[in-house]
Each structure stands twice: as C-alpha cells, then as structure tokens.
Amino acid sequence: MTRFEEVQMRIAESARNFVDIYNMQVFIEQFTLDRESRFFVTLPEMEQPYPITAVISFAYDTFQTSLSMSKQEEEEDEPQVEDASVTIDFMIKLPMMTGYPDIDKLFAEIEREYPDTEPALVVRETIGGEDVSKEYEINYAYDVSDEDLTDMALYEELFEELRDIMELIFNRTKFYIDNSWYEGEDDPPQRY
C-alpha cells in the first residue's frame, strides 16, 4: 500500500497547480495510529479574508497504516487486500453573506455540470438571539484505489475540477459577497 506521506506529498504537489494552499494539518491518533491529512485551499490570488475555501482530506486507518509501513520482498508475496482504497473528501465552504442567492439553483447547476462528484449540500443553521445565520457547504468524495494513489494525472483532474467548481460558485455569488462584505463603502457593488 502507498505510504501516507507519499499520498500527502502528491496531493500537495497537484493542488498547487490549481489552487492556493493556505494551511495544512496532520492528525495522528496516539494509540491506533489512524492518520488524517487536511489541506485548506482557496482560489489563486484571493486575499484574506478568503470568500470561498475548500478542505481536502483523506485518512488512513490502523490497517492501512500498517500495510503502508510493512516492507515486502516481492510484489507477488504482497497479500491481496480487499479494501486498499482511500477516500479523498472535498468540502467547499460557500461564502458567508447576507441576502444569499438561490442556493438550490446554484447547487442544481453544480450537480448538472459535475455529475461525477455526486455532491451533497450541507446547511448549518445557527440561532442566536433574533438572528439566524446559515452556513452552506458542498461535499463530495472520490474513492481512489491503491494503484491509483500515485497517479499524478488523477490528482490533476481532481484539483482542476475543484478549482472549476469553486470558480463557478465565486462567480455566481460575487455580487452578494461584495454587497455583504463591503456594504457602506464608497464604491457600491456592481452586479456582474
């Protein structure tokens, strides 16, 4: 099985070609050695605060970690593993804004344009006093088999798709971002 660190390195190398990585985290469970890696990304040339971000994560459980650490003399001796695949999760966080556009319509467009992702729309509602705020996320995942974990072309496709989805969301919500974030400034937002 491909080593955790090698998968992490390949994801980072491919991601840099399409998005900006602004944070990376690795979690190792002390007793079981389960490992999880997270990359926090945004569109290229965005400035803080980032209006749109995504989190890419993958994890190795104890079994996968031990398989990746064991050395095999010959590939023929390597045991056939039923589930040696890794799930790469993508979570796109939509911008925080007031007067949201029609999120269902935006989500339907993403489903139509990128059917392979089989996305899910997650809505988090926070109730505080009189205000109710909502946060929206679009989640999808790909299962990658062990033999494909070192395939740079696959990662390039995944991150090009991620960038395209993030650009679509940003372009559809830019007016609402400008209106929410920069309301009251000298230059009123322009509808695009």
Protein backbone atom coordinates (compact mmCIF):
# COMPACT_ATOMS: atom_id res chain seq x y z
CA MET A 1 0.00 0.00 0.00
CA THR A 2 1.22 3.51 -0.80
CA ARG A 3 2.68 5.34 2.18
CA PHE A 4 0.55 8.05 3.81
CA GLU A 5 3.29 10.67 3.38
CA GLU A 6 3.63 9.91 -0.33
CA VAL A 7 -0.10 10.41 -0.91
CA GLN A 8 0.07 13.63 1.10
CA MET A 9 3.00 14.90 -0.98
CA ARG A 10 1.32 14.08 -4.30
CA ILE A 11 -1.89 15.82 -3.25
CA ALA A 12 0.06 18.92 -2.22
CA GLU A 13 2.06 18.98 -5.48
CA SER A 14 -1.05 18.64 -7.64
CA ALA A 15 -3.14 21.08 -5.62
CA ARG A 16 -0.55 23.85 -6.03
CA ASN A 17 -1.09 23.78 -9.79
CA PHE A 18 -4.76 24.78 -9.44
CA VAL A 19 -5.47 26.30 -6.02
CA ASP A 20 -3.58 28.08 -3.22
CA ILE A 21 -2.91 26.03 -0.09
CA TYR A 22 -3.06 28.32 2.93
CA ASN A 23 -2.97 25.69 5.69
CA MET A 24 -2.22 22.01 6.13
CA GLN A 25 -2.87 19.78 9.14
CA VAL A 26 -1.97 16.20 10.01
CA PHE A 27 -3.68 14.32 12.81
CA ILE A 28 -2.26 11.08 14.23
CA GLU A 29 -4.30 9.16 16.77
CA GLN A 30 -1.92 8.25 19.57
CA PHE A 31 -3.00 4.67 20.27
CA THR A 32 -4.29 3.34 16.96
CA LEU A 33 -2.02 5.35 14.62
CA ASP A 34 -5.00 6.34 12.48
CA ARG A 35 -3.84 9.29 10.37
CA GLU A 36 -5.71 12.12 8.71
CA SER A 37 -4.39 14.89 6.50
CA ARG A 38 -6.28 18.10 5.68
CA PHE A 39 -5.46 20.77 3.13
CA PHE A 40 -7.18 24.15 3.33
CA VAL A 41 -7.29 25.84 -0.07
CA THR A 42 -8.72 28.85 -1.84
CA LEU A 43 -8.74 30.15 -5.39
CA PRO A 44 -5.45 31.59 -6.68
CA GLU A 45 -4.75 35.25 -5.95
CA MET A 46 -7.52 35.60 -3.35
CA GLU A 47 -6.77 37.82 -0.39
CA GLN A 48 -7.76 37.30 3.22
CA PRO A 49 -10.43 37.00 4.37
CA TYR A 50 -10.96 34.32 1.74
CA PRO A 51 -14.51 34.49 0.41
CA ILE A 52 -14.51 30.86 -0.74
CA THR A 53 -12.47 27.99 0.66
CA ALA A 54 -12.31 24.23 0.49
CA VAL A 55 -10.95 21.48 2.70
CA ILE A 56 -9.48 18.35 1.13
CA SER A 57 -8.91 15.44 3.47
CA PHE A 58 -8.01 11.79 3.46
CA ALA A 59 -7.35 9.29 6.22
CA TYR A 60 -5.53 6.03 6.78
CA ASP A 61 -6.92 3.72 9.43
CA THR A 62 -4.73 1.39 11.51
CA PHE A 63 -4.90 -1.38 8.93
CA GLN A 64 -3.91 0.89 6.03
CA THR A 65 -1.13 2.48 8.09
CA SER A 66 0.35 -0.91 8.97
CA LEU A 67 0.11 -2.08 5.35
CA SER A 68 1.89 1.03 4.12
CA MET A 69 4.69 0.61 6.66
CA SER A 70 5.39 -3.07 6.02
CA LYS A 71 8.14 -3.86 3.55
CA GLN A 72 7.55 -6.65 1.06
CA GLU A 73 10.38 -8.61 -0.57
CA GLU A 74 8.49 -9.12 -3.80
CA GLU A 75 5.20 -7.80 -5.06
CA GLU A 76 4.00 -11.35 -5.61
CA ASP A 77 4.21 -12.01 -1.88
CA GLU A 78 2.06 -8.98 -1.14
CA PRO A 79 -1.29 -10.06 0.29
CA GLN A 80 -4.36 -9.26 -1.73
CA VAL A 81 -6.24 -6.66 0.24
CA GLU A 82 -9.96 -6.29 -0.32
CA ASP A 83 -10.21 -2.64 0.71
CA ALA A 84 -6.96 -0.86 -0.01
CA SER A 85 -8.70 2.23 -1.34
CA VAL A 86 -8.56 5.69 0.19
CA THR A 87 -11.43 8.17 0.21
CA ILE A 88 -10.49 11.74 -0.64
CA ASP A 89 -13.12 14.12 0.72
CA PHE A 90 -13.79 17.58 -0.69
CA MET A 91 -15.72 20.16 1.32
CA ILE A 92 -16.34 23.53 -0.33
CA LYS A 93 -17.43 26.25 2.08
CA LEU A 94 -19.66 28.81 0.42
CA PRO A 95 -19.06 32.45 1.30
CA MET A 96 -20.73 33.97 4.35
CA MET A 97 -23.16 36.59 3.04
CA THR A 98 -26.48 38.21 3.63
CA GLY A 99 -29.18 38.02 1.00
CA TYR A 100 -27.99 34.69 -0.37
CA PRO A 101 -28.68 33.91 -3.99
CA ASP A 102 -30.84 30.88 -4.71
CA ILE A 103 -28.54 28.20 -3.27
CA ASP A 104 -30.74 25.37 -4.55
CA LYS A 105 -30.40 26.72 -8.08
CA LEU A 106 -26.61 27.03 -7.67
CA PHE A 107 -26.41 23.50 -6.26
CA ALA A 108 -28.52 22.14 -9.15
CA GLU A 109 -26.12 23.79 -11.60
CA ILE A 110 -23.14 22.11 -9.90
CA GLU A 111 -24.93 18.75 -9.98
CA ARG A 112 -25.65 19.23 -13.68
CA GLU A 113 -22.15 20.46 -14.64
CA TYR A 114 -20.22 17.97 -12.47
CA PRO A 115 -22.37 14.82 -12.18
CA ASP A 116 -19.42 12.56 -11.29
CA THR A 117 -18.98 14.35 -7.98
CA GLU A 118 -22.43 13.34 -6.69
CA PRO A 119 -22.36 16.40 -4.39
CA ALA A 120 -24.30 16.90 -1.18
CA LEU A 121 -25.47 20.28 0.11
CA VAL A 122 -24.99 20.75 3.85
CA VAL A 123 -26.75 23.61 5.65
CA ARG A 124 -25.72 24.62 9.17
CA GLU A 125 -28.14 26.92 10.90
CA THR A 126 -27.03 28.95 13.91
CA ILE A 127 -29.71 30.50 16.07
CA GLY A 128 -28.53 33.32 18.31
CA GLY A 129 -30.97 35.80 19.77
CA GLU A 130 -33.02 37.31 16.97
CA ASP A 131 -30.53 36.41 14.25
CA VAL A 132 -30.49 33.14 12.39
CA SER A 133 -27.44 32.59 10.23
CA LYS A 134 -26.82 29.81 7.77
CA GLU A 135 -23.59 28.32 6.51
CA TYR A 136 -23.57 26.28 3.32
CA GLU A 137 -21.13 23.57 2.26
CA ILE A 138 -20.94 21.37 -0.78
CA ASN A 139 -19.39 17.97 -0.07
CA TYR A 140 -18.28 15.19 -2.36
CA ALA A 141 -15.75 12.38 -2.27
CA TYR A 142 -13.81 10.04 -4.51
CA ASP A 143 -12.58 6.55 -3.64
CA VAL A 144 -9.09 6.06 -5.04
CA SER A 145 -7.67 2.55 -5.31
CA ASP A 146 -4.15 1.86 -4.05
CA GLU A 147 -2.70 1.53 -7.55
CA ASP A 148 -4.09 4.98 -8.46
CA LEU A 149 -2.78 6.73 -5.32
CA THR A 150 0.47 7.63 -7.08
CA ASP A 151 -1.18 8.71 -10.35
CA MET A 152 -0.41 12.42 -10.73
CA ALA A 153 -2.78 12.75 -13.70
CA LEU A 154 -5.70 11.66 -11.49
CA TYR A 155 -4.87 14.29 -8.87
CA GLU A 156 -4.54 16.92 -11.60
CA GLU A 157 -8.07 16.08 -12.79
CA LEU A 158 -9.47 16.20 -9.25
CA PHE A 159 -7.96 19.60 -8.47
CA GLU A 160 -8.83 21.11 -11.83
CA GLU A 161 -12.42 20.05 -11.17
CA LEU A 162 -12.29 21.52 -7.65
CA ARG A 163 -10.95 24.83 -8.97
CA ASP A 164 -13.66 24.96 -11.64
CA ILE A 165 -16.43 24.32 -9.09
CA MET A 166 -15.02 26.98 -6.74
CA GLU A 167 -14.79 29.50 -9.61
CA LEU A 168 -18.38 28.75 -10.61
CA ILE A 169 -19.58 29.35 -7.03
CA PHE A 170 -17.49 32.51 -6.67
CA ASN A 171 -18.73 33.96 -9.97
CA ARG A 172 -22.38 33.24 -9.06
CA THR A 173 -22.05 34.77 -5.57
CA LYS A 174 -19.62 37.66 -6.15
CA PHE A 175 -22.31 40.34 -6.14
CA TYR A 176 -23.72 39.02 -2.86
CA ILE A 177 -20.24 38.83 -1.33
CA ASP A 178 -19.48 42.42 -2.29
CA ASN A 179 -22.88 43.55 -1.05
CA SER A 180 -22.50 41.75 2.30
CA TRP A 181 -18.84 42.38 2.99
CA TYR A 182 -18.35 45.89 1.65
CA GLU A 183 -21.74 47.49 2.26
CA GLY A 184 -21.43 51.15 3.21
CA GLU A 185 -18.11 51.73 1.45
CA ASP A 186 -17.65 54.44 -1.17
CA ASP A 187 -17.83 52.15 -4.21
CA PRO A 188 -21.17 50.32 -4.26
CA PRO A 189 -21.00 46.71 -5.51
CA GLN A 190 -21.71 46.14 -9.16
CA ARG A 191 -23.89 43.27 -10.36
CA TYR A 192 -21.79 41.07 -12.64
